[in-house]
Amino acid sequence: MDTLKNKRFLNFGYIARGSGVPIYYDTLKERDITGIGKDLNKDTPCFTYEVKDRDTLDSIALKYYNNPTYWWIIAMFNDIQDSLIDNLKAHYPILQIPNIATLVFVKEKR
């Protein structure tokens, strides 16, 4: 039985870092949880990006997807759990940037 139900996304009506973050209702803990999942198909075509000193997930998403609110795609694809990481390059010097046109979501196996 799935414990995470009612997936939805934050929407502030303006561009914000939290836009596009998936939110689930956890039926075991009886509360909403937010965060990055692992439900992107890792076979999605992607390319390698060398992270620069001042890069953030937002800035990379803006560069490649023309929308900073798609930062969560990069985070999810690279299994980055801390989306507000201070020094991205120190922890993730190389990122895989998935082709947004071919993204496929898969159900996690439990």
N, C-alpha and C. Protein backbone atom coordinates (compact mmCIF):
# COMPACT_ATOMS: atom_id res chain seq x y z
N MET A 1 0.85 -1.19 0.00
CA MET A 1 0.00 0.00 0.00
C MET A 1 0.88 1.24 0.00
N ASP A 2 0.54 2.19 -0.86
CA ASP A 2 1.29 3.44 -0.89
C ASP A 2 0.94 4.30 0.31
N THR A 3 1.95 4.89 0.93
CA THR A 3 1.70 5.78 2.06
C THR A 3 1.68 7.23 1.62
N LEU A 4 2.22 7.54 0.43
CA LEU A 4 2.21 8.92 -0.06
C LEU A 4 1.10 9.07 -1.09
N LYS A 5 0.19 9.96 -0.81
CA LYS A 5 -0.99 10.16 -1.65
C LYS A 5 -1.11 11.62 -2.06
N ASN A 6 -1.99 11.89 -3.01
CA ASN A 6 -2.39 13.24 -3.40
C ASN A 6 -1.20 14.12 -3.78
N LYS A 7 -0.37 13.65 -4.69
CA LYS A 7 0.77 14.46 -5.13
C LYS A 7 0.26 15.74 -5.78
N ARG A 8 0.86 16.85 -5.37
CA ARG A 8 0.52 18.14 -5.94
C ARG A 8 1.77 19.02 -5.90
N PHE A 9 1.68 20.19 -6.46
CA PHE A 9 2.85 21.07 -6.53
C PHE A 9 2.51 22.44 -5.97
N LEU A 10 3.50 23.06 -5.33
CA LEU A 10 3.32 24.42 -4.84
C LEU A 10 3.18 25.36 -6.02
N ASN A 11 2.31 26.35 -5.89
CA ASN A 11 2.16 27.36 -6.92
C ASN A 11 1.87 28.69 -6.24
N PHE A 12 2.81 29.61 -6.38
CA PHE A 12 2.69 30.90 -5.71
C PHE A 12 2.10 31.98 -6.61
N GLY A 13 1.94 31.69 -7.90
CA GLY A 13 1.44 32.70 -8.83
C GLY A 13 2.55 33.62 -9.34
N TYR A 14 3.76 33.37 -8.92
CA TYR A 14 4.92 34.13 -9.39
C TYR A 14 6.13 33.19 -9.34
N ILE A 15 7.20 33.56 -9.99
CA ILE A 15 8.39 32.72 -9.99
C ILE A 15 9.00 32.71 -8.60
N ALA A 16 9.13 31.52 -8.04
CA ALA A 16 9.69 31.36 -6.70
C ALA A 16 10.44 30.04 -6.64
N ARG A 17 11.42 29.97 -5.77
CA ARG A 17 12.24 28.76 -5.64
C ARG A 17 11.38 27.54 -5.28
N GLY A 18 10.37 27.74 -4.52
CA GLY A 18 9.54 26.61 -4.09
C GLY A 18 8.52 26.15 -5.11
N SER A 19 8.35 26.91 -6.19
CA SER A 19 7.40 26.51 -7.22
C SER A 19 7.85 25.20 -7.85
N GLY A 20 6.94 24.33 -8.07
CA GLY A 20 7.25 23.06 -8.70
C GLY A 20 7.72 21.98 -7.75
N VAL A 21 7.77 22.27 -6.46
CA VAL A 21 8.19 21.26 -5.49
C VAL A 21 7.03 20.31 -5.25
N PRO A 22 7.27 19.01 -5.39
CA PRO A 22 6.17 18.08 -5.14
C PRO A 22 5.82 18.00 -3.65
N ILE A 23 4.53 17.92 -3.37
CA ILE A 23 4.02 17.76 -2.01
C ILE A 23 3.14 16.51 -2.00
N TYR A 24 3.29 15.72 -0.96
CA TYR A 24 2.50 14.50 -0.80
C TYR A 24 1.83 14.52 0.57
N TYR A 25 0.76 13.76 0.69
CA TYR A 25 0.18 13.52 2.00
C TYR A 25 0.65 12.15 2.46
N ASP A 26 1.34 12.11 3.60
CA ASP A 26 1.85 10.87 4.17
C ASP A 26 0.77 10.31 5.08
N THR A 27 0.17 9.20 4.67
CA THR A 27 -0.94 8.62 5.43
C THR A 27 -0.49 7.98 6.74
N LEU A 28 0.78 7.58 6.84
CA LEU A 28 1.27 7.01 8.10
C LEU A 28 1.50 8.09 9.15
N LYS A 29 2.09 9.20 8.73
CA LYS A 29 2.39 10.29 9.67
C LYS A 29 1.26 11.31 9.73
N GLU A 30 0.27 11.15 8.85
CA GLU A 30 -0.90 12.02 8.78
C GLU A 30 -0.52 13.49 8.67
N ARG A 31 0.34 13.79 7.70
CA ARG A 31 0.74 15.17 7.46
C ARG A 31 1.28 15.30 6.05
N ASP A 32 1.33 16.53 5.56
CA ASP A 32 1.93 16.81 4.26
C ASP A 32 3.44 16.78 4.39
N ILE A 33 4.10 16.26 3.36
CA ILE A 33 5.55 16.32 3.31
C ILE A 33 5.95 16.89 1.95
N THR A 34 7.04 17.59 1.93
CA THR A 34 7.55 18.15 0.68
C THR A 34 8.94 17.60 0.44
N GLY A 35 9.36 17.75 -0.77
CA GLY A 35 10.73 17.34 -1.05
C GLY A 35 10.91 16.74 -2.40
N ILE A 36 12.09 16.21 -2.59
CA ILE A 36 12.48 15.66 -3.86
C ILE A 36 12.34 14.15 -3.79
N GLY A 37 11.71 13.58 -4.78
CA GLY A 37 11.56 12.14 -4.85
C GLY A 37 12.61 11.53 -5.75
N LYS A 38 12.44 10.27 -6.05
CA LYS A 38 13.36 9.57 -6.93
C LYS A 38 12.57 8.88 -8.03
N ASP A 39 11.55 9.55 -8.55
CA ASP A 39 10.68 8.89 -9.50
C ASP A 39 10.89 9.31 -10.95
N LEU A 40 12.08 9.84 -11.27
CA LEU A 40 12.42 10.11 -12.66
C LEU A 40 13.15 8.92 -13.22
N ASN A 41 12.78 8.52 -14.41
CA ASN A 41 13.44 7.40 -15.07
C ASN A 41 14.89 7.79 -15.37
N LYS A 42 15.84 7.04 -14.84
CA LYS A 42 17.26 7.34 -15.00
C LYS A 42 17.76 7.01 -16.41
N ASP A 43 16.91 6.42 -17.25
CA ASP A 43 17.28 6.15 -18.64
C ASP A 43 16.96 7.34 -19.55
N THR A 44 16.43 8.41 -18.98
CA THR A 44 16.12 9.61 -19.75
C THR A 44 17.40 10.15 -20.38
N PRO A 45 17.37 10.51 -21.65
CA PRO A 45 18.56 11.10 -22.27
C PRO A 45 18.98 12.36 -21.51
N CYS A 46 20.27 12.48 -21.28
CA CYS A 46 20.78 13.63 -20.55
C CYS A 46 22.19 13.94 -21.01
N PHE A 47 22.71 15.03 -20.52
CA PHE A 47 24.10 15.38 -20.81
C PHE A 47 24.77 15.80 -19.52
N THR A 48 26.09 15.79 -19.54
CA THR A 48 26.89 16.11 -18.36
C THR A 48 27.17 17.60 -18.31
N TYR A 49 27.00 18.18 -17.12
CA TYR A 49 27.25 19.61 -16.91
C TYR A 49 28.27 19.76 -15.79
N GLU A 50 29.33 20.52 -16.04
CA GLU A 50 30.32 20.81 -15.01
C GLU A 50 29.87 22.05 -14.26
N VAL A 51 29.61 21.89 -12.97
CA VAL A 51 29.09 22.97 -12.14
C VAL A 51 30.15 24.06 -11.93
N LYS A 52 29.73 25.31 -12.09
CA LYS A 52 30.61 26.47 -11.89
C LYS A 52 30.49 26.95 -10.45
N ASP A 53 31.42 27.82 -10.04
CA ASP A 53 31.49 28.28 -8.66
C ASP A 53 30.19 28.86 -8.10
N ARG A 54 29.51 29.67 -8.85
CA ARG A 54 28.33 30.36 -8.30
C ARG A 54 27.01 29.77 -8.80
N ASP A 55 27.07 28.60 -9.40
CA ASP A 55 25.85 27.96 -9.89
C ASP A 55 24.93 27.55 -8.75
N THR A 56 23.65 27.64 -9.02
CA THR A 56 22.62 27.10 -8.13
C THR A 56 21.72 26.22 -9.00
N LEU A 57 20.91 25.42 -8.37
CA LEU A 57 19.97 24.62 -9.15
C LEU A 57 19.04 25.51 -9.96
N ASP A 58 18.66 26.65 -9.38
CA ASP A 58 17.79 27.61 -10.09
C ASP A 58 18.46 28.13 -11.35
N SER A 59 19.72 28.54 -11.21
CA SER A 59 20.41 29.15 -12.35
C SER A 59 20.66 28.13 -13.46
N ILE A 60 20.93 26.91 -13.09
CA ILE A 60 21.13 25.87 -14.10
C ILE A 60 19.82 25.57 -14.82
N ALA A 61 18.72 25.50 -14.06
CA ALA A 61 17.41 25.27 -14.66
C ALA A 61 17.04 26.42 -15.60
N LEU A 62 17.35 27.64 -15.21
CA LEU A 62 17.07 28.80 -16.07
C LEU A 62 17.87 28.69 -17.36
N LYS A 63 19.11 28.31 -17.25
CA LYS A 63 20.00 28.20 -18.42
C LYS A 63 19.52 27.12 -19.40
N TYR A 64 19.14 25.96 -18.89
CA TYR A 64 18.81 24.84 -19.76
C TYR A 64 17.32 24.65 -20.03
N TYR A 65 16.47 25.10 -19.12
CA TYR A 65 15.04 24.92 -19.32
C TYR A 65 14.30 26.24 -19.51
N ASN A 66 15.03 27.34 -19.42
CA ASN A 66 14.45 28.67 -19.57
C ASN A 66 13.40 28.96 -18.49
N ASN A 67 13.53 28.27 -17.34
CA ASN A 67 12.59 28.45 -16.25
C ASN A 67 13.25 28.00 -14.95
N PRO A 68 13.54 28.92 -14.03
CA PRO A 68 14.22 28.52 -12.79
C PRO A 68 13.40 27.62 -11.88
N THR A 69 12.08 27.59 -12.06
CA THR A 69 11.25 26.77 -11.19
C THR A 69 11.37 25.28 -11.51
N TYR A 70 12.07 24.93 -12.56
CA TYR A 70 12.29 23.52 -12.90
C TYR A 70 13.56 22.97 -12.25
N TRP A 71 14.08 23.68 -11.24
CA TRP A 71 15.28 23.23 -10.53
C TRP A 71 15.09 21.83 -9.95
N TRP A 72 13.87 21.49 -9.56
CA TRP A 72 13.60 20.21 -8.92
C TRP A 72 13.86 19.04 -9.85
N ILE A 73 13.75 19.25 -11.17
CA ILE A 73 14.03 18.18 -12.13
C ILE A 73 15.50 17.78 -12.03
N ILE A 74 16.37 18.78 -12.00
CA ILE A 74 17.81 18.53 -11.89
C ILE A 74 18.12 17.88 -10.54
N ALA A 75 17.51 18.40 -9.48
CA ALA A 75 17.74 17.84 -8.14
C ALA A 75 17.28 16.39 -8.07
N MET A 76 16.09 16.11 -8.57
CA MET A 76 15.54 14.77 -8.51
C MET A 76 16.37 13.80 -9.34
N PHE A 77 16.77 14.23 -10.54
CA PHE A 77 17.52 13.36 -11.43
C PHE A 77 18.89 13.01 -10.87
N ASN A 78 19.47 13.93 -10.09
CA ASN A 78 20.80 13.72 -9.53
C ASN A 78 20.77 13.29 -8.06
N ASP A 79 19.58 12.95 -7.56
CA ASP A 79 19.39 12.49 -6.18
C ASP A 79 19.92 13.50 -5.16
N ILE A 80 19.67 14.78 -5.41
CA ILE A 80 20.06 15.84 -4.48
C ILE A 80 18.89 16.07 -3.53
N GLN A 81 19.06 15.72 -2.27
CA GLN A 81 17.99 15.85 -1.29
C GLN A 81 17.91 17.25 -0.69
N ASP A 82 19.04 17.96 -0.60
CA ASP A 82 19.07 19.30 -0.04
C ASP A 82 19.02 20.32 -1.17
N SER A 83 17.83 20.78 -1.50
CA SER A 83 17.67 21.68 -2.63
C SER A 83 18.21 23.09 -2.36
N LEU A 84 18.48 23.41 -1.12
CA LEU A 84 19.01 24.73 -0.77
C LEU A 84 20.50 24.66 -0.42
N ILE A 85 21.19 23.72 -0.99
CA ILE A 85 22.60 23.51 -0.71
C ILE A 85 23.40 24.78 -0.97
N ASP A 86 24.29 25.13 -0.04
CA ASP A 86 25.05 26.37 -0.14
C ASP A 86 26.09 26.35 -1.25
N ASN A 87 26.92 25.32 -1.30
CA ASN A 87 27.99 25.26 -2.28
C ASN A 87 27.78 24.04 -3.16
N LEU A 88 27.00 24.22 -4.21
CA LEU A 88 26.62 23.12 -5.10
C LEU A 88 27.85 22.45 -5.70
N LYS A 89 28.81 23.26 -6.16
CA LYS A 89 29.99 22.72 -6.83
C LYS A 89 30.82 21.81 -5.91
N ALA A 90 30.93 22.16 -4.64
CA ALA A 90 31.73 21.36 -3.70
C ALA A 90 31.14 19.96 -3.50
N HIS A 91 29.83 19.86 -3.52
CA HIS A 91 29.15 18.58 -3.27
C HIS A 91 28.80 17.83 -4.55
N TYR A 92 28.52 18.58 -5.62
CA TYR A 92 28.12 17.98 -6.89
C TYR A 92 28.85 18.69 -8.03
N PRO A 93 30.13 18.36 -8.24
CA PRO A 93 30.90 19.06 -9.29
C PRO A 93 30.41 18.75 -10.70
N ILE A 94 29.78 17.60 -10.88
CA ILE A 94 29.24 17.21 -12.18
C ILE A 94 27.77 16.83 -11.99
N LEU A 95 26.92 17.38 -12.84
CA LEU A 95 25.49 17.05 -12.80
C LEU A 95 25.05 16.48 -14.14
N GLN A 96 24.06 15.63 -14.09
CA GLN A 96 23.42 15.14 -15.30
C GLN A 96 22.16 15.97 -15.51
N ILE A 97 22.06 16.61 -16.66
CA ILE A 97 20.89 17.45 -16.99
C ILE A 97 20.01 16.65 -17.95
N PRO A 98 18.83 16.22 -17.47
CA PRO A 98 17.96 15.42 -18.34
C PRO A 98 17.27 16.29 -19.40
N ASN A 99 17.01 15.66 -20.52
CA ASN A 99 16.27 16.31 -21.59
C ASN A 99 14.82 16.44 -21.14
N ILE A 100 14.38 17.67 -20.95
CA ILE A 100 13.04 17.90 -20.38
C ILE A 100 11.92 17.39 -21.29
N ALA A 101 12.18 17.35 -22.59
CA ALA A 101 11.15 16.91 -23.53
C ALA A 101 10.91 15.40 -23.46
N THR A 102 11.85 14.67 -22.87
CA THR A 102 11.70 13.21 -22.83
C THR A 102 11.59 12.66 -21.42
N LEU A 103 11.27 13.51 -20.44
CA LEU A 103 11.15 13.05 -19.05
C LEU A 103 10.05 12.02 -18.91
N VAL A 104 10.37 10.97 -18.16
CA VAL A 104 9.39 9.93 -17.85
C VAL A 104 9.45 9.68 -16.36
N PHE A 105 8.31 9.67 -15.71
CA PHE A 105 8.23 9.38 -14.28
C PHE A 105 7.89 7.91 -14.10
N VAL A 106 8.51 7.29 -13.12
CA VAL A 106 8.24 5.89 -12.84
C VAL A 106 7.79 5.75 -11.39
N LYS A 107 7.02 4.74 -11.14
CA LYS A 107 6.57 4.47 -9.77
C LYS A 107 7.68 3.74 -9.03
N GLU A 108 7.99 4.24 -7.83
CA GLU A 108 9.04 3.61 -7.02
C GLU A 108 8.61 2.21 -6.62
N LYS A 109 9.57 1.30 -6.63
CA LYS A 109 9.31 -0.05 -6.15
C LYS A 109 9.57 -0.07 -4.65
N ARG A 110 8.69 -0.68 -3.92
CA ARG A 110 8.83 -0.72 -2.46
C ARG A 110 9.04 -2.13 -2.00
